[in-house]
Amino acid sequence: MLDHPLPDWRAVTLMADPAVTAIPVVDSGASLVDTAGVVAFTGETTEARHLRQPVLDRLADAAAALPRDLVLALNEGWRPPALQRHYFERYAARLRTERPGATEAEVHRLASRFVSPPEVAPHTAGAAVDVLLLTPEGEVLDVGCPLDASPEDSAGRCYTDHPDVVGEPLALRRELVRAMSGAGLVNYPTEWWHWSWGDRYWAHVTRASHAVLGPASP
């Protein structure tokens, strides 16, 4: 158990919360497509280059809305369910070691700050994107902490609104938020790099009656 109230910047709805997990999914059937040639890609696998078409359309709109000296790059889109489970279980195991007094329910909820529980993960639906900002020459820009830095490893600076992120990194985050939000994507507030459309978290934020993108496969 946390022994003090959460500061405002951490008082967010998490993926594991019932407000998200209880939302139904009515899949639209939108195609899972390759993003090659549409947006920059910095990931490692061709699987990660895939997104549902409506998500790719919005990501392209966001990329076009950035100033000319900023390039939006997709680092990871679709993720195989087995890999999602592996990531979640690995992080949960770390939390059990670091927080020996935590219950399994607490570990599950805390793990969802950084890795979505497999049963609700938007990456497995092709509904989520992990993104970076680059220079036109391809250099990764500093936005306060590296992509995929956990709350523990980043001292919380992975949270989009962390108060310790100031100066140029904060200005870059604001540009990213402006472009991505303007394109209709929603941010997971514990990860500045994670945005989605059509999944349960998107439905929660936008107050939609249901998600429109569920688990998908290539």
Protein backbone atom coordinates (compact mmCIF):
# COMPACT_ATOMS: atom_id res chain seq x y z
CA MET A 1 0.00 0.00 0.00
CA LEU A 2 1.17 3.52 -0.69
CA ASP A 3 1.53 5.35 2.61
CA HIS A 4 0.67 8.83 1.34
CA PRO A 5 -1.92 10.34 -1.03
CA LEU A 6 -1.04 10.40 -4.69
CA PRO A 7 0.02 13.83 -5.99
CA ASP A 8 -2.27 15.28 -8.63
CA TRP A 9 0.03 14.28 -11.50
CA ARG A 10 -0.25 10.62 -10.46
CA ALA A 11 -3.95 10.58 -9.59
CA VAL A 12 -4.96 8.98 -12.89
CA THR A 13 -7.25 6.18 -13.96
CA LEU A 14 -5.14 3.12 -14.73
CA MET A 15 -5.67 0.39 -17.32
CA ALA A 16 -6.46 -2.10 -14.54
CA ASP A 17 -9.21 0.04 -13.01
CA PRO A 18 -12.81 -1.23 -13.34
CA ALA A 19 -13.77 2.04 -15.04
CA VAL A 20 -11.68 0.77 -17.98
CA THR A 21 -11.89 -3.02 -17.78
CA ALA A 22 -15.71 -3.02 -17.63
CA ILE A 23 -16.10 -1.20 -20.94
CA PRO A 24 -17.45 -3.53 -23.65
CA VAL A 25 -15.81 -3.98 -27.05
CA VAL A 26 -17.75 -4.01 -30.31
CA ASP A 27 -15.04 -4.42 -32.90
CA SER A 28 -15.46 -2.37 -36.06
CA GLY A 29 -13.50 -4.82 -38.19
CA ALA A 30 -11.04 -2.14 -39.32
CA SER A 31 -8.03 -3.60 -41.08
CA LEU A 32 -4.64 -4.08 -39.44
CA VAL A 33 -2.25 -2.45 -41.91
CA ASP A 34 1.46 -1.87 -42.42
CA THR A 35 2.49 1.71 -41.66
CA ALA A 36 5.57 1.59 -43.91
CA GLY A 37 5.84 4.70 -46.04
CA VAL A 38 3.21 6.60 -44.07
CA VAL A 39 5.04 7.49 -40.85
CA ALA A 40 8.64 7.21 -39.68
CA PHE A 41 9.41 3.99 -37.83
CA THR A 42 12.12 3.33 -35.24
CA GLY A 43 11.03 -0.10 -33.98
CA GLU A 44 12.74 -3.44 -34.34
CA THR A 45 10.13 -5.75 -35.89
CA THR A 46 7.75 -5.62 -38.83
CA GLU A 47 4.97 -6.75 -36.47
CA ALA A 48 5.38 -3.53 -34.46
CA ARG A 49 4.94 -1.51 -37.65
CA HIS A 50 1.26 -2.51 -37.96
CA LEU A 51 -1.80 -0.53 -36.79
CA ARG A 52 -5.53 -0.52 -37.41
CA GLN A 53 -6.31 1.79 -40.32
CA PRO A 54 -8.22 4.45 -38.29
CA VAL A 55 -5.31 4.68 -35.86
CA LEU A 56 -2.79 5.07 -38.67
CA ASP A 57 -4.93 7.79 -40.26
CA ARG A 58 -4.90 9.77 -37.02
CA LEU A 59 -1.19 9.20 -36.47
CA ALA A 60 -0.49 10.58 -39.94
CA ASP A 61 -2.65 13.63 -39.13
CA ALA A 62 -0.66 14.17 -35.92
CA ALA A 63 2.65 13.92 -37.77
CA ALA A 64 1.47 16.53 -40.27
CA ALA A 65 0.43 18.89 -37.47
CA LEU A 66 3.91 19.13 -35.93
CA PRO A 67 6.31 21.97 -36.73
CA ARG A 68 8.65 21.23 -39.63
CA ASP A 69 11.63 20.74 -37.33
CA LEU A 70 9.93 17.86 -35.50
CA VAL A 71 9.35 14.38 -36.88
CA LEU A 72 6.87 11.97 -35.30
CA ALA A 73 8.11 8.38 -35.31
CA LEU A 74 6.25 5.19 -34.47
CA ASN A 75 8.32 2.92 -32.23
CA GLU A 76 5.73 0.23 -31.59
CA GLY A 77 2.20 -0.42 -32.71
CA TRP A 78 0.65 -3.89 -32.75
CA ARG A 79 2.07 -6.34 -30.20
CA PRO A 80 1.50 -10.13 -30.06
CA PRO A 81 -0.58 -11.17 -27.04
CA ALA A 82 2.14 -13.54 -25.81
CA LEU A 83 4.67 -10.70 -25.78
CA GLN A 84 2.23 -8.43 -23.95
CA ARG A 85 1.76 -11.09 -21.28
CA HIS A 86 5.52 -11.56 -21.01
CA TYR A 87 6.09 -7.83 -20.48
CA PHE A 88 3.32 -7.60 -17.89
CA GLU A 89 4.41 -10.64 -15.91
CA ARG A 90 8.07 -9.57 -15.95
CA TYR A 91 7.24 -6.13 -14.55
CA ALA A 92 4.83 -7.58 -11.99
CA ALA A 93 7.60 -9.92 -10.79
CA ARG A 94 9.89 -6.94 -10.33
CA LEU A 95 7.24 -5.13 -8.29
CA ARG A 96 6.72 -8.18 -6.05
CA THR A 97 10.43 -8.13 -5.26
CA GLU A 98 10.60 -4.39 -4.66
CA ARG A 99 7.32 -4.21 -2.70
CA PRO A 100 7.24 -7.42 -0.62
CA GLY A 101 4.25 -6.24 1.40
CA ALA A 102 2.02 -5.60 -1.62
CA THR A 103 -0.97 -7.86 -2.27
CA GLU A 104 -1.47 -9.48 -5.66
CA ALA A 105 -4.26 -6.99 -6.41
CA GLU A 106 -1.93 -4.09 -5.61
CA VAL A 107 0.85 -5.56 -7.75
CA HIS A 108 -1.57 -6.01 -10.65
CA ARG A 109 -2.77 -2.42 -10.42
CA LEU A 110 0.70 -0.95 -10.00
CA ALA A 111 2.00 -3.00 -12.92
CA SER A 112 -0.69 -1.46 -15.10
CA ARG A 113 0.97 1.96 -14.71
CA PHE A 114 3.66 0.76 -17.10
CA VAL A 115 2.38 -2.35 -18.91
CA SER A 116 -1.28 -2.87 -19.75
CA PRO A 117 -2.83 -6.08 -18.39
CA PRO A 118 -3.02 -8.53 -21.30
CA GLU A 119 -6.82 -8.71 -21.20
CA VAL A 120 -7.23 -4.98 -21.92
CA ALA A 121 -3.99 -4.10 -23.72
CA PRO A 122 -4.57 -1.70 -26.62
CA HIS A 123 -1.33 -2.72 -28.33
CA THR A 124 -2.73 -6.21 -29.01
CA ALA A 125 -5.67 -4.53 -30.74
CA GLY A 126 -3.48 -2.46 -33.03
CA ALA A 127 -5.09 0.52 -31.32
CA ALA A 128 -2.06 1.98 -29.54
CA VAL A 129 1.14 3.68 -30.60
CA ASP A 130 4.37 4.30 -28.74
CA VAL A 131 5.97 7.32 -30.35
CA LEU A 132 9.13 9.40 -30.34
CA LEU A 133 10.01 12.88 -31.53
CA LEU A 134 12.98 13.13 -33.88
CA THR A 135 14.92 15.87 -35.62
CA PRO A 136 14.68 15.89 -39.43
CA GLU A 137 18.09 14.15 -39.36
CA GLY A 138 16.70 11.29 -37.28
CA GLU A 139 18.10 12.20 -33.86
CA VAL A 140 15.86 11.21 -30.94
CA LEU A 141 14.89 14.29 -28.96
CA ASP A 142 14.97 14.45 -25.16
CA VAL A 143 11.47 14.85 -23.71
CA GLY A 144 12.40 14.29 -20.08
CA CYS A 145 12.95 10.55 -19.95
CA PRO A 146 13.51 7.75 -22.46
CA LEU A 147 10.63 5.90 -24.06
CA ASP A 148 9.85 2.74 -22.07
CA ALA A 149 11.40 4.03 -18.84
CA SER A 150 9.36 2.67 -15.93
CA PRO A 151 8.05 4.89 -13.12
CA GLU A 152 10.83 3.54 -10.90
CA ASP A 153 13.61 3.99 -13.46
CA SER A 154 12.48 7.49 -14.49
CA ALA A 155 11.67 8.75 -10.98
CA GLY A 156 8.14 9.28 -12.28
CA ARG A 157 9.14 11.45 -15.24
CA CYS A 158 7.50 8.96 -17.58
CA TYR A 159 4.19 10.49 -16.44
CA THR A 160 3.11 12.96 -19.10
CA ASP A 161 2.44 15.78 -16.61
CA HIS A 162 5.33 15.17 -14.21
CA PRO A 163 6.26 18.49 -12.59
CA ASP A 164 10.01 17.87 -12.85
CA VAL A 165 9.88 17.96 -16.65
CA VAL A 166 10.68 21.56 -17.56
CA GLY A 167 12.37 23.65 -20.23
CA GLU A 168 12.83 22.24 -23.73
CA PRO A 169 11.63 18.71 -22.80
CA LEU A 170 8.39 20.21 -21.50
CA ALA A 171 7.98 22.31 -24.65
CA LEU A 172 8.42 19.18 -26.77
CA ARG A 173 5.88 17.27 -24.71
CA ARG A 174 3.40 20.08 -25.21
CA GLU A 175 3.93 19.94 -28.97
CA LEU A 176 3.37 16.18 -28.92
CA VAL A 177 0.23 16.50 -26.82
CA ARG A 178 -1.13 19.23 -29.08
CA ALA A 179 -0.57 17.21 -32.25
CA MET A 180 -1.73 13.84 -30.95
CA SER A 181 -4.78 15.16 -29.09
CA GLY A 182 -5.71 17.29 -32.07
CA ALA A 183 -5.76 14.16 -34.21
CA GLY A 184 -8.18 12.46 -31.82
CA LEU A 185 -5.75 10.16 -30.01
CA VAL A 186 -5.76 9.88 -26.22
CA ASN A 187 -2.75 9.63 -23.93
CA TYR A 188 -2.19 7.12 -21.16
CA PRO A 189 -1.04 9.62 -18.51
CA THR A 190 1.61 7.33 -16.99
CA GLU A 191 3.50 7.17 -20.30
CA TRP A 192 4.16 10.31 -22.34
CA TRP A 193 4.83 8.14 -25.42
CA HIS A 194 1.66 5.99 -25.37
CA TRP A 195 -1.40 7.11 -27.33
CA SER A 196 -4.41 5.21 -28.58
CA TRP A 197 -7.71 5.35 -30.42
CA GLY A 198 -10.67 2.97 -30.38
CA ASP A 199 -9.63 0.86 -27.37
CA ARG A 200 -11.15 0.69 -23.89
CA TYR A 201 -8.96 3.47 -22.52
CA TRP A 202 -9.96 5.73 -25.41
CA ALA A 203 -13.60 4.89 -24.69
CA HIS A 204 -13.09 5.77 -21.02
CA VAL A 205 -11.51 9.13 -21.79
CA THR A 206 -13.99 10.10 -24.51
CA ARG A 207 -16.98 8.61 -22.65
CA ALA A 208 -17.88 6.39 -25.58
CA SER A 209 -20.35 3.62 -24.80
CA HIS A 210 -17.94 0.94 -26.02
CA ALA A 211 -14.53 0.37 -27.53
CA VAL A 212 -14.42 -0.22 -31.28
CA LEU A 213 -11.09 -2.04 -31.53
CA GLY A 214 -10.44 -5.36 -29.78
CA PRO A 215 -7.65 -7.95 -30.05
CA ALA A 216 -6.40 -8.33 -33.61
CA SER A 217 -3.90 -10.43 -35.53
CA PRO A 218 -2.02 -9.84 -38.80
